[in-house]
Amino acid sequence: MTYLGEVLHPRSYDIGIAVSGHDEHTVHYELGLFDGGQCLGTADAAAPRGKLSATALAWSRQRISS
C-alpha cells in the first residue's frame, strides 16, 4: 500500500478495485483506499486465476457489509 493521506483506526473506508490485466494463470488488480472522494492510498495485487464460487461470493459480501 502506498499511502497518500492519513488513515485512522478504527474507521470505515471505501475500497475501489479494478482488474488491470490477466494472463493464463494470474489476475492483476489495482486498488484504491478512499474516504469520501479523497484517495488515501493505492496498491497493486495479483491472485491466481480461477472461478469464484457462490459460497465465496456470499462470504465476501457479508464481510464487506459488516
C-alpha atoms as a PDB file:
ATOM      1  CA  MET A   1       0.000   0.000   0.000  1.00  0.00           C
ATOM      2  CA  THR A   2       1.254   3.434  -0.922  1.00  0.00           C
ATOM      3  CA  TYR A   3      -0.373   5.893   1.469  1.00  0.00           C
ATOM      4  CA  LEU A   4      -1.315   9.281   0.061  1.00  0.00           C
ATOM      5  CA  GLY A   5      -3.054  10.600   3.171  1.00  0.00           C
ATOM      6  CA  GLU A   6      -3.698   9.887   6.829  1.00  0.00           C
ATOM      7  CA  VAL A   7      -5.537   6.640   7.618  1.00  0.00           C
ATOM      8  CA  LEU A   8      -7.015   6.287  11.107  1.00  0.00           C
ATOM      9  CA  HIS A   9      -8.108   3.191  13.017  1.00  0.00           C
ATOM     10  CA  PRO A  10     -10.810   2.261  13.864  1.00  0.00           C
ATOM     11  CA  ARG A  11     -12.686   3.807  10.972  1.00  0.00           C
ATOM     12  CA  SER A  12     -14.539   2.689   7.836  1.00  0.00           C
ATOM     13  CA  TYR A  13     -13.201   3.364   4.344  1.00  0.00           C
ATOM     14  CA  ASP A  14     -14.255   2.522   0.806  1.00  0.00           C
ATOM     15  CA  ILE A  15     -12.075   0.321  -1.368  1.00  0.00           C
ATOM     16  CA  GLY A  16     -12.153   0.553  -5.141  1.00  0.00           C
ATOM     17  CA  ILE A  17     -10.827  -2.359  -7.162  1.00  0.00           C
ATOM     18  CA  ALA A  18     -10.227  -2.782 -10.881  1.00  0.00           C
ATOM     19  CA  VAL A  19      -8.831  -5.635 -12.913  1.00  0.00           C
ATOM     20  CA  SER A  20      -5.811  -4.187 -14.666  1.00  0.00           C
ATOM     21  CA  GLY A  21      -4.940  -7.311 -16.624  1.00  0.00           C
ATOM     22  CA  HIS A  22      -4.744 -11.085 -16.690  1.00  0.00           C
ATOM     23  CA  ASP A  23      -2.883 -13.929 -18.264  1.00  0.00           C
ATOM     24  CA  GLU A  24      -3.421 -17.673 -18.312  1.00  0.00           C
ATOM     25  CA  HIS A  25      -2.772 -18.144 -14.579  1.00  0.00           C
ATOM     26  CA  THR A  26      -2.980 -14.740 -12.857  1.00  0.00           C
ATOM     27  CA  VAL A  27      -5.356 -11.788 -12.458  1.00  0.00           C
ATOM     28  CA  HIS A  28      -3.794  -8.379 -11.725  1.00  0.00           C
ATOM     29  CA  TYR A  29      -5.660  -5.753  -9.712  1.00  0.00           C
ATOM     30  CA  GLU A  30      -5.315  -2.067  -8.878  1.00  0.00           C
ATOM     31  CA  LEU A  31      -6.871  -0.937  -5.596  1.00  0.00           C
ATOM     32  CA  GLY A  32      -7.653   2.433  -4.042  1.00  0.00           C
ATOM     33  CA  LEU A  33      -8.496   3.327  -0.440  1.00  0.00           C
ATOM     34  CA  PHE A  34     -10.997   6.205  -0.230  1.00  0.00           C
ATOM     35  CA  ASP A  35     -12.572   8.450   2.388  1.00  0.00           C
ATOM     36  CA  GLY A  36     -15.426  10.200   0.622  1.00  0.00           C
ATOM     37  CA  GLY A  37     -13.958  11.392  -2.649  1.00  0.00           C
ATOM     38  CA  GLN A  38     -10.370  11.560  -1.369  1.00  0.00           C
ATOM     39  CA  CYS A  39      -7.938   8.790  -2.301  1.00  0.00           C
ATOM     40  CA  LEU A  40      -5.819   7.907   0.735  1.00  0.00           C
ATOM     41  CA  GLY A  41      -3.828   5.020  -0.730  1.00  0.00           C
ATOM     42  CA  THR A  42      -3.182   2.794  -3.719  1.00  0.00           C
ATOM     43  CA  ALA A  43      -1.949  -0.754  -4.168  1.00  0.00           C
ATOM     44  CA  ASP A  44      -1.354  -3.399  -6.813  1.00  0.00           C
ATOM     45  CA  ALA A  45      -2.215  -7.043  -6.239  1.00  0.00           C
ATOM     46  CA  ALA A  46      -2.192 -10.327  -8.121  1.00  0.00           C
ATOM     47  CA  ALA A  47      -4.031 -13.566  -7.468  1.00  0.00           C
ATOM     48  CA  PRO A  48      -4.366 -16.950  -9.119  1.00  0.00           C
ATOM     49  CA  ARG A  49      -6.982 -17.009 -11.836  1.00  0.00           C
ATOM     50  CA  GLY A  50      -9.969 -19.182 -11.035  1.00  0.00           C
ATOM     51  CA  LYS A  51     -13.685 -19.353 -10.516  1.00  0.00           C
ATOM     52  CA  LEU A  52     -15.472 -17.560  -7.673  1.00  0.00           C
ATOM     53  CA  SER A  53     -17.985 -19.890  -6.076  1.00  0.00           C
ATOM     54  CA  ALA A  54     -21.375 -18.671  -4.859  1.00  0.00           C
ATOM     55  CA  THR A  55     -20.315 -19.521  -1.279  1.00  0.00           C
ATOM     56  CA  ALA A  56     -17.134 -17.433  -1.529  1.00  0.00           C
ATOM     57  CA  LEU A  57     -19.052 -14.526  -3.067  1.00  0.00           C
ATOM     58  CA  ALA A  58     -21.695 -14.613  -0.311  1.00  0.00           C
ATOM     59  CA  TRP A  59     -18.961 -14.732   2.355  1.00  0.00           C
ATOM     60  CA  SER A  60     -17.145 -11.729   0.841  1.00  0.00           C
ATOM     61  CA  ARG A  61     -20.370  -9.700   0.627  1.00  0.00           C
ATOM     62  CA  GLN A  62     -21.111 -10.492   4.267  1.00  0.00           C
ATOM     63  CA  ARG A  63     -17.599  -9.383   5.328  1.00  0.00           C
ATOM     64  CA  ILE A  64     -17.855  -6.122   3.365  1.00  0.00           C
ATOM     65  CA  SER A  65     -21.216  -5.154   4.844  1.00  0.00           C
ATOM     66  CA  SER A  66     -20.149  -5.743   8.458  1.00  0.00           C
END
